[in-house]
Amino acid sequence: GRHAGVVARAARELDIARTSLSSRMDTLGLARPRRGA
């Protein structure tokens, strides 16, 4: 019904947010070399 679209959109936005966050953390990790790596 109507809620299915809302849930799907929320899940997609959450997935996009998590992906962008992880990619940003990857960029920070690459920009800042870790010791002992």
N, C-alpha and C. Protein backbone atom coordinates (compact mmCIF):
# COMPACT_ATOMS: atom_id res chain seq x y z
N GLY A 1 0.83 -1.21 0.00
CA GLY A 1 0.00 0.00 0.00
C GLY A 1 0.86 1.25 0.00
N ARG A 2 0.38 2.25 0.70
CA ARG A 2 1.09 3.52 0.69
C ARG A 2 2.37 3.46 1.52
N HIS A 3 2.32 2.71 2.61
CA HIS A 3 3.49 2.69 3.50
C HIS A 3 4.69 2.03 2.84
N ALA A 4 4.44 1.11 1.93
CA ALA A 4 5.55 0.39 1.29
C ALA A 4 6.48 1.37 0.58
N GLY A 5 5.91 2.34 -0.12
CA GLY A 5 6.74 3.32 -0.84
C GLY A 5 7.54 4.17 0.13
N VAL A 6 6.90 4.54 1.24
CA VAL A 6 7.60 5.38 2.22
C VAL A 6 8.76 4.61 2.83
N VAL A 7 8.51 3.35 3.16
CA VAL A 7 9.57 2.52 3.77
C VAL A 7 10.70 2.31 2.79
N ALA A 8 10.35 2.04 1.53
CA ALA A 8 11.38 1.80 0.52
C ALA A 8 12.23 3.05 0.33
N ARG A 9 11.56 4.21 0.30
CA ARG A 9 12.32 5.45 0.10
C ARG A 9 13.22 5.72 1.29
N ALA A 10 12.71 5.48 2.50
CA ALA A 10 13.52 5.71 3.70
C ALA A 10 14.72 4.77 3.71
N ALA A 11 14.49 3.51 3.32
CA ALA A 11 15.59 2.55 3.30
C ALA A 11 16.64 2.96 2.29
N ARG A 12 16.18 3.46 1.13
CA ARG A 12 17.13 3.85 0.09
C ARG A 12 17.94 5.06 0.56
N GLU A 13 17.26 6.02 1.18
CA GLU A 13 17.99 7.21 1.67
C GLU A 13 18.99 6.81 2.74
N LEU A 14 18.60 5.87 3.61
CA LEU A 14 19.49 5.42 4.66
C LEU A 14 20.70 4.73 4.05
N ASP A 15 20.46 3.91 3.01
CA ASP A 15 21.55 3.20 2.35
C ASP A 15 22.51 4.19 1.70
N ILE A 16 21.95 5.23 1.07
CA ILE A 16 22.79 6.24 0.42
C ILE A 16 23.62 6.97 1.48
N ALA A 17 23.00 7.30 2.60
CA ALA A 17 23.72 8.01 3.66
C ALA A 17 24.86 7.15 4.19
N ARG A 18 24.57 5.85 4.38
CA ARG A 18 25.60 4.96 4.92
C ARG A 18 26.74 4.80 3.92
N THR A 19 26.39 4.72 2.63
CA THR A 19 27.42 4.55 1.61
C THR A 19 28.31 5.78 1.55
N SER A 20 27.69 6.97 1.55
CA SER A 20 28.48 8.19 1.46
C SER A 20 29.35 8.35 2.70
N LEU A 21 28.81 7.95 3.85
CA LEU A 21 29.58 8.05 5.08
C LEU A 21 30.79 7.13 5.04
N SER A 22 30.58 5.89 4.59
CA SER A 22 31.69 4.94 4.53
C SER A 22 32.74 5.39 3.53
N SER A 23 32.28 5.95 2.40
CA SER A 23 33.24 6.41 1.39
C SER A 23 34.02 7.60 1.93
N ARG A 24 33.34 8.45 2.72
CA ARG A 24 34.04 9.60 3.30
C ARG A 24 35.07 9.13 4.31
N MET A 25 34.71 8.11 5.09
CA MET A 25 35.67 7.58 6.07
C MET A 25 36.84 6.93 5.35
N ASP A 26 36.56 6.27 4.22
CA ASP A 26 37.65 5.68 3.43
C ASP A 26 38.59 6.78 2.95
N THR A 27 38.02 7.89 2.51
CA THR A 27 38.85 9.00 2.03
C THR A 27 39.70 9.54 3.17
N LEU A 28 39.10 9.68 4.36
CA LEU A 28 39.87 10.16 5.50
C LEU A 28 40.98 9.17 5.85
N GLY A 29 40.66 7.89 5.79
CA GLY A 29 41.65 6.87 6.11
C GLY A 29 42.81 6.89 5.13
N LEU A 30 42.50 7.15 3.85
CA LEU A 30 43.55 7.19 2.84
C LEU A 30 44.36 8.47 2.98
N ALA A 31 43.68 9.58 3.31
CA ALA A 31 44.38 10.85 3.43
C ALA A 31 45.29 10.84 4.66
N ARG A 32 44.86 10.11 5.70
CA ARG A 32 45.63 10.05 6.93
C ARG A 32 46.19 8.65 7.09
N PRO A 33 47.41 8.40 6.65
CA PRO A 33 47.98 7.05 6.73
C PRO A 33 48.06 6.56 8.17
N ARG A 34 47.65 5.30 8.37
CA ARG A 34 47.67 4.74 9.72
C ARG A 34 49.03 4.16 10.04
N ARG A 35 49.43 4.25 11.27
CA ARG A 35 50.72 3.69 11.66
C ARG A 35 50.57 2.20 11.88
N GLY A 36 51.59 1.46 11.56
CA GLY A 36 51.56 0.02 11.73
C GLY A 36 50.81 -0.68 10.62
N ALA A 37 50.48 0.03 9.55
CA ALA A 37 49.74 -0.59 8.46
C ALA A 37 50.72 -1.32 7.54
